[in-house]
Amino acid sequence: MVKCNNAYEKPKGRDLTQYEKHLNKLISGIRVKVEHAIGGVKRFGIVSNIFRNKTDGLDDKVMEISCGLWNYHLLSS
């Protein structure tokens, strides 16, 4: 199960509390790591371009292999 946390927005007429600012910093730090991981996987053209192959389950395999290759790249560098 995945839980998505949205950052707090500044309401009209008042500032965010220190707690809300702290949570926003935590959320943004996690978001940056996730976005960098997605960006790294998208370096593989087969993931970022339109995938026209209709073979059942092949798109999932391509994503698994791309993620595995990106993880290998991160571990070896």
Protein backbone atom coordinates (compact mmCIF):
# COMPACT_ATOMS: atom_id res chain seq x y z
CA MET A 1 0.00 0.00 0.00
CA VAL A 2 1.27 3.45 -0.90
CA LYS A 3 0.33 6.55 1.05
CA CYS A 4 0.74 9.92 -0.66
CA ASN A 5 1.36 12.95 1.52
CA ASN A 6 0.79 16.36 0.01
CA ALA A 7 2.67 19.42 1.17
CA TYR A 8 0.81 22.04 3.16
CA GLU A 9 -0.21 25.16 1.25
CA LYS A 10 -0.09 28.59 2.83
CA PRO A 11 -3.66 29.66 3.61
CA LYS A 12 -4.77 33.20 2.87
CA GLY A 13 -4.12 35.61 5.70
CA ARG A 14 -1.72 33.51 7.78
CA ASP A 15 1.64 31.78 7.60
CA LEU A 16 2.36 28.09 7.94
CA THR A 17 3.19 26.84 11.41
CA GLN A 18 6.71 25.61 12.16
CA TYR A 19 5.38 22.04 12.23
CA GLU A 20 3.83 22.42 8.75
CA LYS A 21 7.06 23.92 7.41
CA HIS A 22 9.02 21.01 8.90
CA LEU A 23 6.70 18.46 7.30
CA ASN A 24 6.95 20.25 3.95
CA LYS A 25 10.75 19.97 4.11
CA LEU A 26 10.55 16.24 4.87
CA ILE A 27 8.06 15.64 2.06
CA SER A 28 10.10 17.63 -0.46
CA GLY A 29 13.26 15.71 0.45
CA ILE A 30 11.54 12.40 -0.21
CA ARG A 31 9.95 13.73 -3.40
CA VAL A 32 13.35 14.77 -4.80
CA LYS A 33 14.75 11.27 -4.29
CA VAL A 34 11.73 9.67 -5.96
CA GLU A 35 11.81 12.11 -8.90
CA HIS A 36 15.54 11.48 -9.42
CA ALA A 37 14.93 7.72 -9.46
CA ILE A 38 12.12 8.07 -12.02
CA GLY A 39 14.31 10.38 -14.11
CA GLY A 40 17.14 7.85 -14.05
CA VAL A 41 14.88 5.05 -15.26
CA LYS A 42 13.52 7.33 -17.99
CA ARG A 43 17.01 7.54 -19.48
CA PHE A 44 16.19 4.25 -21.12
CA GLY A 45 14.36 5.15 -24.33
CA ILE A 46 12.07 2.15 -24.20
CA VAL A 47 10.59 3.46 -20.94
CA SER A 48 10.20 7.11 -21.89
CA ASN A 49 8.85 6.63 -25.43
CA ILE A 50 5.54 5.14 -26.54
CA PHE A 51 5.65 1.35 -26.16
CA ARG A 52 3.74 -0.23 -29.03
CA ASN A 53 4.36 -3.92 -28.32
CA LYS A 54 1.10 -5.65 -27.45
CA THR A 55 2.62 -8.79 -25.89
CA ASP A 56 0.88 -9.37 -22.57
CA GLY A 57 3.10 -8.52 -19.61
CA LEU A 58 6.07 -7.34 -21.67
CA ASP A 59 5.67 -3.72 -20.58
CA ASP A 60 6.01 -4.79 -16.93
CA LYS A 61 9.12 -6.84 -17.75
CA VAL A 62 10.67 -3.86 -19.55
CA MET A 63 10.05 -1.66 -16.51
CA GLU A 64 11.50 -4.28 -14.15
CA ILE A 65 14.62 -4.67 -16.28
CA SER A 66 15.06 -0.90 -16.62
CA CYS A 67 14.73 -0.40 -12.86
CA GLY A 68 17.18 -3.22 -12.25
CA LEU A 69 19.70 -1.71 -14.66
CA TRP A 70 19.34 1.70 -13.04
CA ASN A 71 19.82 0.20 -9.56
CA TYR A 72 22.92 -1.62 -10.83
CA HIS A 73 24.24 1.67 -12.21
CA LEU A 74 23.70 3.39 -8.86
CA LEU A 75 25.42 0.59 -6.94
CA SER A 76 28.40 0.37 -9.29
CA SER A 77 29.13 4.11 -9.47
